[in-house]
Amino acid sequence: MNIPATLKRLFWDIELKSIYDKKNCDFVIERVAEKGNEKDIKWLINNFGKKEIYRIIKKSRNITDKTKNFYQVVR
């Protein structure tokens, strides 16, 4: 699975090709969950599933409380 070019604006600081592998899933989920729009969130859910997204968000130190609360509600 590759990160689509439409998400480039969320990963302005790194090369898209270099970030997707198993060890970077947390980073991808955190960045898209925190900075993405509705279309980006749909991509995230389709590719990772709600359970995995919530698991990462719940333990993350890089996610704001506001975002954590949002995902807890829509879970």
PDB file of N, CA and C in Angstrom:
ATOM      1  N   MET A   1       0.841  -1.180   0.000  1.00  0.00           N
ATOM      2  CA  MET A   1       0.000   0.000   0.000  1.00  0.00           C
ATOM      3  C   MET A   1       0.888   1.245   0.000  1.00  0.00           C
ATOM      4  N   ASN A   2       0.515   2.181  -0.819  1.00  0.00           N
ATOM      5  CA  ASN A   2       1.239   3.449  -0.899  1.00  0.00           C
ATOM      6  C   ASN A   2       0.348   4.578  -0.431  1.00  0.00           C
ATOM      7  N   ILE A   3       0.968   5.608   0.051  1.00  0.00           N
ATOM      8  CA  ILE A   3       0.232   6.806   0.448  1.00  0.00           C
ATOM      9  C   ILE A   3      -0.059   7.599  -0.819  1.00  0.00           C
ATOM     10  N   PRO A   4      -1.324   7.953  -1.043  1.00  0.00           N
ATOM     11  CA  PRO A   4      -1.663   8.671  -2.276  1.00  0.00           C
ATOM     12  C   PRO A   4      -1.080  10.085  -2.304  1.00  0.00           C
ATOM     13  N   ALA A   5      -0.850  10.557  -3.504  1.00  0.00           N
ATOM     14  CA  ALA A   5      -0.291  11.900  -3.695  1.00  0.00           C
ATOM     15  C   ALA A   5      -1.191  12.980  -3.107  1.00  0.00           C
ATOM     16  N   THR A   6      -2.482  12.699  -2.980  1.00  0.00           N
ATOM     17  CA  THR A   6      -3.401  13.691  -2.407  1.00  0.00           C
ATOM     18  C   THR A   6      -3.079  13.994  -0.946  1.00  0.00           C
ATOM     19  N   LEU A   7      -2.317  13.124  -0.304  1.00  0.00           N
ATOM     20  CA  LEU A   7      -1.951  13.350   1.098  1.00  0.00           C
ATOM     21  C   LEU A   7      -0.581  14.019   1.251  1.00  0.00           C
ATOM     22  N   LYS A   8       0.041  14.355   0.141  1.00  0.00           N
ATOM     23  CA  LYS A   8       1.367  14.990   0.169  1.00  0.00           C
ATOM     24  C   LYS A   8       1.379  16.221   1.071  1.00  0.00           C
ATOM     25  N   ARG A   9       0.304  16.989   1.064  1.00  0.00           N
ATOM     26  CA  ARG A   9       0.262  18.220   1.872  1.00  0.00           C
ATOM     27  C   ARG A   9       0.383  17.917   3.374  1.00  0.00           C
ATOM     28  N   LEU A  10       0.034  16.713   3.785  1.00  0.00           N
ATOM     29  CA  LEU A  10       0.145  16.338   5.200  1.00  0.00           C
ATOM     30  C   LEU A  10       1.552  15.872   5.552  1.00  0.00           C
ATOM     31  N   PHE A  11       2.310  15.496   4.531  1.00  0.00           N
ATOM     32  CA  PHE A  11       3.667  14.993   4.727  1.00  0.00           C
ATOM     33  C   PHE A  11       4.659  15.883   3.985  1.00  0.00           C
ATOM     34  N   TRP A  12       4.511  17.177   4.165  1.00  0.00           N
ATOM     35  CA  TRP A  12       5.317  18.171   3.477  1.00  0.00           C
ATOM     36  C   TRP A  12       6.797  18.048   3.794  1.00  0.00           C
ATOM     37  N   ASP A  13       7.117  17.454   4.927  1.00  0.00           N
ATOM     38  CA  ASP A  13       8.494  17.440   5.408  1.00  0.00           C
ATOM     39  C   ASP A  13       9.275  16.175   5.055  1.00  0.00           C
ATOM     40  N   ILE A  14       8.629  15.217   4.380  1.00  0.00           N
ATOM     41  CA  ILE A  14       9.316  13.975   4.030  1.00  0.00           C
ATOM     42  C   ILE A  14       8.853  13.464   2.667  1.00  0.00           C
ATOM     43  N   GLU A  15       9.626  12.585   2.094  1.00  0.00           N
ATOM     44  CA  GLU A  15       9.306  11.958   0.812  1.00  0.00           C
ATOM     45  C   GLU A  15       8.264  10.870   1.033  1.00  0.00           C
ATOM     46  N   LEU A  16       7.152  10.929   0.299  1.00  0.00           N
ATOM     47  CA  LEU A  16       6.066   9.960   0.479  1.00  0.00           C
ATOM     48  C   LEU A  16       6.541   8.516   0.306  1.00  0.00           C
ATOM     49  N   LYS A  17       7.380   8.266  -0.658  1.00  0.00           N
ATOM     50  CA  LYS A  17       7.845   6.903  -0.933  1.00  0.00           C
ATOM     51  C   LYS A  17       8.608   6.305   0.247  1.00  0.00           C
ATOM     52  N   SER A  18       9.181   7.141   1.058  1.00  0.00           N
ATOM     53  CA  SER A  18      10.046   6.643   2.133  1.00  0.00           C
ATOM     54  C   SER A  18       9.325   6.354   3.440  1.00  0.00           C
ATOM     55  N   ILE A  19       8.048   6.674   3.543  1.00  0.00           N
ATOM     56  CA  ILE A  19       7.416   6.542   4.852  1.00  0.00           C
ATOM     57  C   ILE A  19       6.504   5.360   5.038  1.00  0.00           C
ATOM     58  N   TYR A  20       6.077   4.696   3.979  1.00  0.00           N
ATOM     59  CA  TYR A  20       5.120   3.624   4.223  1.00  0.00           C
ATOM     60  C   TYR A  20       5.769   2.260   4.317  1.00  0.00           C
ATOM     61  N   ASP A  21       5.827   1.780   5.509  1.00  0.00           N
ATOM     62  CA  ASP A  21       6.118   0.387   5.799  1.00  0.00           C
ATOM     63  C   ASP A  21       5.586   0.114   7.194  1.00  0.00           C
ATOM     64  N   LYS A  22       5.689  -1.095   7.654  1.00  0.00           N
ATOM     65  CA  LYS A  22       5.082  -1.489   8.934  1.00  0.00           C
ATOM     66  C   LYS A  22       5.537  -0.614  10.090  1.00  0.00           C
ATOM     67  N   LYS A  23       6.797  -0.253  10.129  1.00  0.00           N
ATOM     68  CA  LYS A  23       7.296   0.502  11.277  1.00  0.00           C
ATOM     69  C   LYS A  23       6.844   1.959  11.294  1.00  0.00           C
ATOM     70  N   ASN A  24       6.292   2.444  10.200  1.00  0.00           N
ATOM     71  CA  ASN A  24       5.835   3.838  10.133  1.00  0.00           C
ATOM     72  C   ASN A  24       4.325   3.992  10.176  1.00  0.00           C
ATOM     73  N   CYS A  25       3.601   2.919  10.377  1.00  0.00           N
ATOM     74  CA  CYS A  25       2.139   2.988  10.416  1.00  0.00           C
ATOM     75  C   CYS A  25       1.652   3.958  11.486  1.00  0.00           C
ATOM     76  N   ASP A  26       2.264   3.935  12.650  1.00  0.00           N
ATOM     77  CA  ASP A  26       1.863   4.843  13.723  1.00  0.00           C
ATOM     78  C   ASP A  26       1.996   6.294  13.270  1.00  0.00           C
ATOM     79  N   PHE A  27       3.113   6.607  12.639  1.00  0.00           N
ATOM     80  CA  PHE A  27       3.364   7.962  12.169  1.00  0.00           C
ATOM     81  C   PHE A  27       2.318   8.390  11.141  1.00  0.00           C
ATOM     82  N   VAL A  28       2.009   7.517  10.197  1.00  0.00           N
ATOM     83  CA  VAL A  28       1.024   7.831   9.153  1.00  0.00           C
ATOM     84  C   VAL A  28      -0.339   8.067   9.784  1.00  0.00           C
ATOM     85  N   ILE A  29      -0.751   7.186  10.679  1.00  0.00           N
ATOM     86  CA  ILE A  29      -2.049   7.329  11.338  1.00  0.00           C
ATOM     87  C   ILE A  29      -2.106   8.620  12.142  1.00  0.00           C
ATOM     88  N   GLU A  30      -1.074   8.905  12.906  1.00  0.00           N
ATOM     89  CA  GLU A  30      -1.048  10.131  13.722  1.00  0.00           C
ATOM     90  C   GLU A  30      -1.164  11.374  12.856  1.00  0.00           C
ATOM     91  N   ARG A  31      -0.387  11.434  11.800  1.00  0.00           N
ATOM     92  CA  ARG A  31      -0.351  12.634  10.964  1.00  0.00           C
ATOM     93  C   ARG A  31      -1.692  12.855  10.265  1.00  0.00           C
ATOM     94  N   VAL A  32      -2.246  11.802   9.677  1.00  0.00           N
ATOM     95  CA  VAL A  32      -3.513  11.945   8.954  1.00  0.00           C
ATOM     96  C   VAL A  32      -4.653  12.225   9.922  1.00  0.00           C
ATOM     97  N   ALA A  33      -4.670  11.543  11.055  1.00  0.00           N
ATOM     98  CA  ALA A  33      -5.730  11.757  12.043  1.00  0.00           C
ATOM     99  C   ALA A  33      -5.699  13.184  12.590  1.00  0.00           C
ATOM    100  N   GLU A  34      -4.527  13.708  12.814  1.00  0.00           N
ATOM    101  CA  GLU A  34      -4.385  15.038  13.411  1.00  0.00           C
ATOM    102  C   GLU A  34      -4.597  16.158  12.400  1.00  0.00           C
ATOM    103  N   LYS A  35      -4.149  15.984  11.173  1.00  0.00           N
ATOM    104  CA  LYS A  35      -4.141  17.091  10.214  1.00  0.00           C
ATOM    105  C   LYS A  35      -5.042  16.891   8.996  1.00  0.00           C
ATOM    106  N   GLY A  36      -5.608  15.706   8.831  1.00  0.00           N
ATOM    107  CA  GLY A  36      -6.371  15.396   7.627  1.00  0.00           C
ATOM    108  C   GLY A  36      -7.796  15.928   7.635  1.00  0.00           C
ATOM    109  N   ASN A  37      -8.381  15.954   6.439  1.00  0.00           N
ATOM    110  CA  ASN A  37      -9.781  16.355   6.297  1.00  0.00           C
ATOM    111  C   ASN A  37     -10.648  15.091   6.208  1.00  0.00           C
ATOM    112  N   GLU A  38     -11.922  15.261   5.912  1.00  0.00           N
ATOM    113  CA  GLU A  38     -12.852  14.126   5.894  1.00  0.00           C
ATOM    114  C   GLU A  38     -12.445  13.056   4.874  1.00  0.00           C
ATOM    115  N   LYS A  39     -12.039  13.482   3.700  1.00  0.00           N
ATOM    116  CA  LYS A  39     -11.608  12.534   2.666  1.00  0.00           C
ATOM    117  C   LYS A  39     -10.358  11.769   3.110  1.00  0.00           C
ATOM    118  N   ASP A  40      -9.450  12.454   3.765  1.00  0.00           N
ATOM    119  CA  ASP A  40      -8.227  11.820   4.263  1.00  0.00           C
ATOM    120  C   ASP A  40      -8.547  10.785   5.344  1.00  0.00           C
ATOM    121  N   ILE A  41      -9.494  11.113   6.203  1.00  0.00           N
ATOM    122  CA  ILE A  41      -9.903  10.200   7.280  1.00  0.00           C
ATOM    123  C   ILE A  41     -10.554   8.955   6.689  1.00  0.00           C
ATOM    124  N   LYS A  42     -11.334   9.116   5.637  1.00  0.00           N
ATOM    125  CA  LYS A  42     -11.940   7.952   4.976  1.00  0.00           C
ATOM    126  C   LYS A  42     -10.853   7.037   4.415  1.00  0.00           C
ATOM    127  N   TRP A  43      -9.821   7.618   3.811  1.00  0.00           N
ATOM    128  CA  TRP A  43      -8.699   6.824   3.316  1.00  0.00           C
ATOM    129  C   TRP A  43      -8.041   6.073   4.476  1.00  0.00           C
ATOM    130  N   LEU A  44      -7.855   6.769   5.577  1.00  0.00           N
ATOM    131  CA  LEU A  44      -7.227   6.172   6.752  1.00  0.00           C
ATOM    132  C   LEU A  44      -8.037   4.970   7.248  1.00  0.00           C
ATOM    133  N   ILE A  45      -9.331   5.143   7.375  1.00  0.00           N
ATOM    134  CA  ILE A  45     -10.208   4.060   7.850  1.00  0.00           C
ATOM    135  C   ILE A  45     -10.196   2.882   6.874  1.00  0.00           C
ATOM    136  N   ASN A  46     -10.266   3.167   5.583  1.00  0.00           N
ATOM    137  CA  ASN A  46     -10.259   2.097   4.580  1.00  0.00           C
ATOM    138  C   ASN A  46      -8.961   1.299   4.576  1.00  0.00           C
ATOM    139  N   ASN A  47      -7.854   1.950   4.931  1.00  0.00           N
ATOM    140  CA  ASN A  47      -6.564   1.287   4.862  1.00  0.00           C
ATOM    141  C   ASN A  47      -6.078   0.697   6.181  1.00  0.00           C
ATOM    142  N   PHE A  48      -6.558   1.213   7.292  1.00  0.00           N
ATOM    143  CA  PHE A  48      -6.075   0.736   8.590  1.00  0.00           C
ATOM    144  C   PHE A  48      -7.173   0.167   9.480  1.00  0.00           C
ATOM    145  N   GLY A  49      -8.399   0.571   9.273  1.00  0.00           N
ATOM    146  CA  GLY A  49      -9.502   0.108  10.107  1.00  0.00           C
ATOM    147  C   GLY A  49      -9.640   0.937  11.371  1.00  0.00           C
ATOM    148  N   LYS A  50     -10.870   1.060  11.847  1.00  0.00           N
ATOM    149  CA  LYS A  50     -11.156   1.905  13.009  1.00  0.00           C
ATOM    150  C   LYS A  50     -10.460   1.428  14.269  1.00  0.00           C
ATOM    151  N   LYS A  51     -10.390   0.121  14.481  1.00  0.00           N
ATOM    152  CA  LYS A  51      -9.765  -0.405  15.705  1.00  0.00           C
ATOM    153  C   LYS A  51      -8.290  -0.041  15.781  1.00  0.00           C
ATOM    154  N   GLU A  52      -7.571  -0.216  14.666  1.00  0.00           N
ATOM    155  CA  GLU A  52      -6.143   0.100  14.639  1.00  0.00           C
ATOM    156  C   GLU A  52      -5.917   1.598  14.819  1.00  0.00           C
ATOM    157  N   ILE A  53      -6.720   2.399  14.158  1.00  0.00           N
ATOM    158  CA  ILE A  53      -6.582   3.854  14.281  1.00  0.00           C
ATOM    159  C   ILE A  53      -6.803   4.276  15.728  1.00  0.00           C
ATOM    160  N   TYR A  54      -7.858   3.788  16.334  1.00  0.00           N
ATOM    161  CA  TYR A  54      -8.145   4.158  17.715  1.00  0.00           C
ATOM    162  C   TYR A  54      -7.049   3.685  18.664  1.00  0.00           C
ATOM    163  N   ARG A  55      -6.515   2.499  18.426  1.00  0.00           N
ATOM    164  CA  ARG A  55      -5.433   1.969  19.280  1.00  0.00           C
ATOM    165  C   ARG A  55      -4.208   2.893  19.241  1.00  0.00           C
ATOM    166  N   ILE A  56      -3.852   3.329  18.050  1.00  0.00           N
ATOM    167  CA  ILE A  56      -2.693   4.213  17.894  1.00  0.00           C
ATOM    168  C   ILE A  56      -2.970   5.577  18.519  1.00  0.00           C
ATOM    169  N   ILE A  57      -4.130   6.132  18.240  1.00  0.00           N
ATOM    170  CA  ILE A  57      -4.473   7.459  18.749  1.00  0.00           C
ATOM    171  C   ILE A  57      -4.529   7.472  20.271  1.00  0.00           C
ATOM    172  N   LYS A  58      -5.084   6.441  20.834  1.00  0.00           N
ATOM    173  CA  LYS A  58      -5.238   6.352  22.286  1.00  0.00           C
ATOM    174  C   LYS A  58      -3.894   6.399  23.011  1.00  0.00           C
ATOM    175  N   LYS A  59      -2.874   5.768  22.445  1.00  0.00           N
ATOM    176  CA  LYS A  59      -1.565   5.705  23.115  1.00  0.00           C
ATOM    177  C   LYS A  59      -0.591   6.807  22.683  1.00  0.00           C
ATOM    178  N   SER A  60      -0.944   7.547  21.641  1.00  0.00           N
ATOM    179  CA  SER A  60      -0.018   8.512  21.056  1.00  0.00           C
ATOM    180  C   SER A  60       0.183   9.761  21.916  1.00  0.00           C
ATOM    181  N   ARG A  61       1.405  10.224  21.940  1.00  0.00           N
ATOM    182  CA  ARG A  61       1.732  11.496  22.587  1.00  0.00           C
ATOM    183  C   ARG A  61       1.727  12.640  21.583  1.00  0.00           C
ATOM    184  N   ASN A  62       1.559  12.302  20.314  1.00  0.00           N
ATOM    185  CA  ASN A  62       1.580  13.302  19.247  1.00  0.00           C
ATOM    186  C   ASN A  62       0.190  13.755  18.818  1.00  0.00           C
ATOM    187  N   ILE A  63      -0.821  13.241  19.464  1.00  0.00           N
ATOM    188  CA  ILE A  63      -2.207  13.573  19.131  1.00  0.00           C
ATOM    189  C   ILE A  63      -2.774  14.476  20.225  1.00  0.00           C
ATOM    190  N   THR A  64      -3.430  15.537  19.806  1.00  0.00           N
ATOM    191  CA  THR A  64      -4.017  16.463  20.776  1.00  0.00           C
ATOM    192  C   THR A  64      -5.226  15.822  21.466  1.00  0.00           C
ATOM    193  N   ASP A  65      -5.571  16.343  22.623  1.00  0.00           N
ATOM    194  CA  ASP A  65      -6.746  15.850  23.344  1.00  0.00           C
ATOM    195  C   ASP A  65      -8.014  16.045  22.519  1.00  0.00           C
ATOM    196  N   LYS A  66      -8.075  17.129  21.788  1.00  0.00           N
ATOM    197  CA  LYS A  66      -9.236  17.411  20.941  1.00  0.00           C
ATOM    198  C   LYS A  66      -9.426  16.295  19.905  1.00  0.00           C
ATOM    199  N   THR A  67      -8.351  15.890  19.265  1.00  0.00           N
ATOM    200  CA  THR A  67      -8.422  14.827  18.268  1.00  0.00           C
ATOM    201  C   THR A  67      -8.744  13.490  18.927  1.00  0.00           C
ATOM    202  N   LYS A  68      -8.153  13.215  20.067  1.00  0.00           N
ATOM    203  CA  LYS A  68      -8.457  11.971  20.792  1.00  0.00           C
ATOM    204  C   LYS A  68      -9.933  11.905  21.148  1.00  0.00           C
ATOM    205  N   ASN A  69     -10.485  13.006  21.594  1.00  0.00           N
ATOM    206  CA  ASN A  69     -11.901  13.037  21.929  1.00  0.00           C
ATOM    207  C   ASN A  69     -12.781  12.800  20.710  1.00  0.00           C
ATOM    208  N   PHE A  70     -12.419  13.398  19.598  1.00  0.00           N
ATOM    209  CA  PHE A  70     -13.170  13.192  18.355  1.00  0.00           C
ATOM    210  C   PHE A  70     -13.215  11.726  17.987  1.00  0.00           C
ATOM    211  N   TYR A  71     -12.064  11.071  17.985  1.00  0.00           N
ATOM    212  CA  TYR A  71     -12.016   9.658  17.591  1.00  0.00           C
ATOM    213  C   TYR A  71     -12.693   8.750  18.614  1.00  0.00           C
ATOM    214  N   GLN A  72     -12.731   9.158  19.828  1.00  0.00           N
ATOM    215  CA  GLN A  72     -13.448   8.360  20.828  1.00  0.00           C
ATOM    216  C   GLN A  72     -14.939   8.409  20.543  1.00  0.00           C
ATOM    217  N   VAL A  73     -15.431   9.558  20.103  1.00  0.00           N
ATOM    218  CA  VAL A  73     -16.856   9.721  19.800  1.00  0.00           C
ATOM    219  C   VAL A  73     -17.240   8.956  18.525  1.00  0.00           C
ATOM    220  N   VAL A  74     -16.434   9.041  17.494  1.00  0.00           N
ATOM    221  CA  VAL A  74     -16.785   8.416  16.215  1.00  0.00           C
ATOM    222  C   VAL A  74     -16.374   6.949  16.123  1.00  0.00           C
ATOM    223  N   ARG A  75     -15.767   6.442  17.107  1.00  0.00           N
ATOM    224  CA  ARG A  75     -15.296   5.065  17.168  1.00  0.00           C
ATOM    225  C   ARG A  75     -16.382   4.134  16.998  1.00  0.00           C
TER     226      ARG A  75
END
